[in-house]
Amino acid sequence: MYACSPGEAAGDTAQGGTFSRHLLEVARAWAIQTRQPYRAAAHYLDVPNAFAPVRNLLVQRYGQHPVLENGRRMRSFPFTVA
């Protein structure tokens, strides 16, 4: 995962990197939602599913274009485990 596309600057604030901060917020929200007894969710959040909402938010809000290079893997690694 890259916080921005080539030629762009990654947004950094006093609270840390914009991409990293939002990625951790997505993971935290997923973990809270997964703990709810009425949710039948997966037991892990993989990298592409953690990345996608962050990319969408950063493109819309900041004009920053994060990049995910999956390579040739058939499956993605877990990013968050509940």
N, C-alpha and C. Protein backbone atom coordinates (compact mmCIF):
# COMPACT_ATOMS: atom_id res chain seq x y z
N MET A 1 0.85 -1.17 0.00
CA MET A 1 0.00 0.00 0.00
C MET A 1 0.89 1.24 0.00
N TYR A 2 0.47 2.20 -0.79
CA TYR A 2 1.14 3.49 -0.84
C TYR A 2 0.13 4.57 -0.50
N ALA A 3 0.55 5.56 0.27
CA ALA A 3 -0.35 6.61 0.72
C ALA A 3 -0.81 7.53 -0.40
N CYS A 4 -0.07 7.56 -1.51
CA CYS A 4 -0.45 8.42 -2.62
C CYS A 4 0.16 7.88 -3.91
N SER A 5 -0.27 8.45 -5.02
CA SER A 5 0.25 8.06 -6.32
C SER A 5 1.60 8.73 -6.56
N PRO A 6 2.39 8.19 -7.50
CA PRO A 6 3.65 8.85 -7.86
C PRO A 6 3.39 10.30 -8.29
N GLY A 7 4.24 11.19 -7.83
CA GLY A 7 4.10 12.61 -8.16
C GLY A 7 3.22 13.38 -7.20
N GLU A 8 2.56 12.69 -6.27
CA GLU A 8 1.73 13.35 -5.27
C GLU A 8 2.46 13.37 -3.94
N ALA A 9 2.04 14.28 -3.09
CA ALA A 9 2.55 14.32 -1.73
C ALA A 9 1.51 13.69 -0.81
N ALA A 10 1.97 12.85 0.12
CA ALA A 10 1.07 12.26 1.11
C ALA A 10 0.75 13.33 2.15
N GLY A 11 -0.52 13.44 2.48
CA GLY A 11 -0.92 14.44 3.47
C GLY A 11 -0.49 14.04 4.87
N ASP A 12 0.24 14.91 5.51
CA ASP A 12 0.66 14.70 6.90
C ASP A 12 0.19 15.89 7.72
N THR A 13 -0.33 15.59 8.90
CA THR A 13 -0.80 16.63 9.80
C THR A 13 -0.18 16.39 11.17
N ALA A 14 -0.55 17.23 12.11
CA ALA A 14 -0.07 17.04 13.49
C ALA A 14 -0.59 15.74 14.08
N GLN A 15 -1.69 15.21 13.53
CA GLN A 15 -2.24 13.94 14.00
C GLN A 15 -1.61 12.74 13.30
N GLY A 16 -0.70 12.96 12.39
CA GLY A 16 -0.03 11.87 11.68
C GLY A 16 -0.39 11.87 10.21
N GLY A 17 -0.01 10.80 9.54
CA GLY A 17 -0.28 10.67 8.12
C GLY A 17 -1.77 10.50 7.86
N THR A 18 -2.28 11.21 6.88
CA THR A 18 -3.70 11.15 6.56
C THR A 18 -4.12 9.73 6.18
N PHE A 19 -3.35 9.08 5.33
CA PHE A 19 -3.67 7.73 4.90
C PHE A 19 -3.63 6.76 6.08
N SER A 20 -2.56 6.78 6.83
CA SER A 20 -2.41 5.85 7.97
C SER A 20 -3.51 6.04 9.00
N ARG A 21 -3.81 7.30 9.31
CA ARG A 21 -4.84 7.59 10.31
C ARG A 21 -6.20 7.05 9.87
N HIS A 22 -6.57 7.27 8.62
CA HIS A 22 -7.86 6.79 8.13
C HIS A 22 -7.89 5.27 8.00
N LEU A 23 -6.77 4.67 7.65
CA LEU A 23 -6.70 3.21 7.57
C LEU A 23 -6.95 2.59 8.94
N LEU A 24 -6.36 3.15 9.96
CA LEU A 24 -6.58 2.65 11.32
C LEU A 24 -8.01 2.89 11.78
N GLU A 25 -8.62 3.99 11.35
CA GLU A 25 -10.02 4.26 11.70
C GLU A 25 -10.95 3.23 11.06
N VAL A 26 -10.67 2.85 9.81
CA VAL A 26 -11.47 1.82 9.14
C VAL A 26 -11.36 0.50 9.89
N ALA A 27 -10.15 0.13 10.28
CA ALA A 27 -9.93 -1.12 11.02
C ALA A 27 -10.65 -1.09 12.36
N ARG A 28 -10.59 0.03 13.05
CA ARG A 28 -11.26 0.16 14.35
C ARG A 28 -12.77 0.04 14.19
N ALA A 29 -13.34 0.72 13.20
CA ALA A 29 -14.79 0.66 12.97
C ALA A 29 -15.22 -0.76 12.60
N TRP A 30 -14.42 -1.43 11.78
CA TRP A 30 -14.74 -2.81 11.40
C TRP A 30 -14.73 -3.72 12.63
N ALA A 31 -13.74 -3.56 13.50
CA ALA A 31 -13.64 -4.40 14.70
C ALA A 31 -14.84 -4.18 15.63
N ILE A 32 -15.25 -2.94 15.79
CA ILE A 32 -16.40 -2.63 16.64
C ILE A 32 -17.66 -3.24 16.05
N GLN A 33 -17.86 -3.10 14.74
CA GLN A 33 -19.03 -3.65 14.07
C GLN A 33 -19.04 -5.17 14.15
N THR A 34 -17.89 -5.79 14.01
CA THR A 34 -17.78 -7.24 14.03
C THR A 34 -18.13 -7.81 15.41
N ARG A 35 -17.86 -7.06 16.45
CA ARG A 35 -18.15 -7.53 17.81
C ARG A 35 -19.63 -7.51 18.15
N GLN A 36 -20.43 -6.84 17.35
CA GLN A 36 -21.86 -6.78 17.63
C GLN A 36 -22.46 -8.18 17.49
N PRO A 37 -23.28 -8.61 18.44
CA PRO A 37 -23.80 -9.98 18.40
C PRO A 37 -24.72 -10.28 17.22
N TYR A 38 -25.35 -9.28 16.66
CA TYR A 38 -26.28 -9.52 15.56
C TYR A 38 -25.60 -9.53 14.20
N ARG A 39 -24.30 -9.30 14.13
CA ARG A 39 -23.58 -9.27 12.86
C ARG A 39 -22.91 -10.61 12.60
N ALA A 40 -23.13 -11.15 11.44
CA ALA A 40 -22.45 -12.38 11.03
C ALA A 40 -21.36 -11.99 10.04
N ALA A 41 -20.30 -11.39 10.53
CA ALA A 41 -19.23 -10.88 9.66
C ALA A 41 -18.06 -11.85 9.62
N ALA A 42 -17.20 -11.63 8.67
CA ALA A 42 -15.98 -12.43 8.59
C ALA A 42 -15.13 -12.17 9.83
N HIS A 43 -14.22 -13.08 10.10
CA HIS A 43 -13.37 -12.94 11.28
C HIS A 43 -12.10 -12.16 11.00
N TYR A 44 -11.94 -11.74 9.74
CA TYR A 44 -10.81 -10.86 9.42
C TYR A 44 -11.20 -9.91 8.30
N LEU A 45 -10.54 -8.77 8.29
CA LEU A 45 -10.70 -7.77 7.25
C LEU A 45 -9.43 -7.80 6.42
N ASP A 46 -9.56 -8.16 5.13
CA ASP A 46 -8.35 -8.27 4.33
C ASP A 46 -7.88 -6.90 3.82
N VAL A 47 -6.67 -6.87 3.29
CA VAL A 47 -6.05 -5.62 2.88
C VAL A 47 -6.88 -4.87 1.84
N PRO A 48 -7.35 -5.49 0.76
CA PRO A 48 -8.12 -4.71 -0.22
C PRO A 48 -9.40 -4.10 0.36
N ASN A 49 -10.08 -4.82 1.25
CA ASN A 49 -11.31 -4.29 1.85
C ASN A 49 -11.04 -3.22 2.90
N ALA A 50 -9.87 -3.21 3.48
CA ALA A 50 -9.49 -2.12 4.38
C ALA A 50 -9.06 -0.90 3.56
N PHE A 51 -8.39 -1.15 2.46
CA PHE A 51 -7.83 -0.09 1.62
C PHE A 51 -8.91 0.70 0.87
N ALA A 52 -9.89 0.01 0.30
CA ALA A 52 -10.88 0.64 -0.60
C ALA A 52 -11.59 1.85 0.00
N PRO A 53 -12.17 1.76 1.21
CA PRO A 53 -12.87 2.93 1.72
C PRO A 53 -11.93 4.09 2.03
N VAL A 54 -10.70 3.78 2.41
CA VAL A 54 -9.73 4.84 2.68
C VAL A 54 -9.38 5.55 1.38
N ARG A 55 -9.14 4.79 0.33
CA ARG A 55 -8.81 5.39 -0.96
C ARG A 55 -9.95 6.30 -1.42
N ASN A 56 -11.18 5.80 -1.35
CA ASN A 56 -12.33 6.59 -1.79
C ASN A 56 -12.44 7.90 -1.00
N LEU A 57 -12.26 7.83 0.29
CA LEU A 57 -12.34 9.02 1.14
C LEU A 57 -11.24 10.02 0.79
N LEU A 58 -10.01 9.54 0.65
CA LEU A 58 -8.90 10.45 0.37
C LEU A 58 -9.00 11.08 -1.01
N VAL A 59 -9.50 10.34 -1.98
CA VAL A 59 -9.69 10.91 -3.32
C VAL A 59 -10.73 12.03 -3.25
N GLN A 60 -11.85 11.76 -2.59
CA GLN A 60 -12.93 12.75 -2.53
C GLN A 60 -12.58 13.95 -1.67
N ARG A 61 -12.01 13.69 -0.51
CA ARG A 61 -11.80 14.77 0.45
C ARG A 61 -10.51 15.55 0.24
N TYR A 62 -9.44 14.86 -0.15
CA TYR A 62 -8.12 15.50 -0.20
C TYR A 62 -7.48 15.51 -1.59
N GLY A 63 -8.07 14.81 -2.56
CA GLY A 63 -7.45 14.71 -3.87
C GLY A 63 -6.18 13.88 -3.85
N GLN A 64 -6.02 13.07 -2.84
CA GLN A 64 -4.87 12.17 -2.69
C GLN A 64 -5.28 10.80 -3.20
N HIS A 65 -4.44 10.15 -3.99
CA HIS A 65 -4.79 8.90 -4.65
C HIS A 65 -3.91 7.74 -4.17
N PRO A 66 -4.25 7.10 -3.07
CA PRO A 66 -3.48 5.95 -2.60
C PRO A 66 -3.49 4.82 -3.63
N VAL A 67 -2.44 4.00 -3.58
CA VAL A 67 -2.28 2.91 -4.54
C VAL A 67 -2.08 1.60 -3.78
N LEU A 68 -2.78 0.57 -4.25
CA LEU A 68 -2.61 -0.78 -3.70
C LEU A 68 -2.08 -1.66 -4.82
N GLU A 69 -0.91 -2.23 -4.62
CA GLU A 69 -0.36 -3.16 -5.58
C GLU A 69 -0.49 -4.57 -5.01
N ASN A 70 -1.42 -5.33 -5.58
CA ASN A 70 -1.69 -6.67 -5.08
C ASN A 70 -0.65 -7.70 -5.52
N GLY A 71 0.06 -7.43 -6.58
CA GLY A 71 0.98 -8.43 -7.07
C GLY A 71 0.23 -9.58 -7.71
N ARG A 72 0.79 -10.78 -7.62
CA ARG A 72 0.17 -11.93 -8.27
C ARG A 72 -0.51 -12.87 -7.28
N ARG A 73 -0.74 -12.41 -6.07
CA ARG A 73 -1.38 -13.27 -5.07
C ARG A 73 -2.81 -13.58 -5.42
N MET A 74 -3.23 -14.81 -5.15
CA MET A 74 -4.63 -15.18 -5.33
C MET A 74 -5.47 -14.68 -4.15
N ARG A 75 -4.85 -14.64 -2.96
CA ARG A 75 -5.56 -14.20 -1.75
C ARG A 75 -4.79 -13.07 -1.12
N SER A 76 -5.49 -12.26 -0.36
CA SER A 76 -4.86 -11.12 0.31
C SER A 76 -4.65 -11.43 1.79
N PHE A 77 -3.66 -10.79 2.36
CA PHE A 77 -3.38 -10.96 3.78
C PHE A 77 -4.44 -10.28 4.62
N PRO A 78 -4.71 -10.80 5.81
CA PRO A 78 -5.59 -10.10 6.74
C PRO A 78 -4.94 -8.79 7.20
N PHE A 79 -5.72 -7.76 7.34
CA PHE A 79 -5.23 -6.50 7.89
C PHE A 79 -5.65 -6.37 9.35
N THR A 80 -6.87 -6.80 9.65
CA THR A 80 -7.42 -6.74 11.00
C THR A 80 -8.07 -8.09 11.30
N VAL A 81 -7.85 -8.58 12.50
CA VAL A 81 -8.43 -9.86 12.91
C VAL A 81 -9.29 -9.63 14.14
N ALA A 82 -10.49 -10.21 14.13
CA ALA A 82 -11.38 -10.07 15.29
C ALA A 82 -11.46 -11.39 16.02
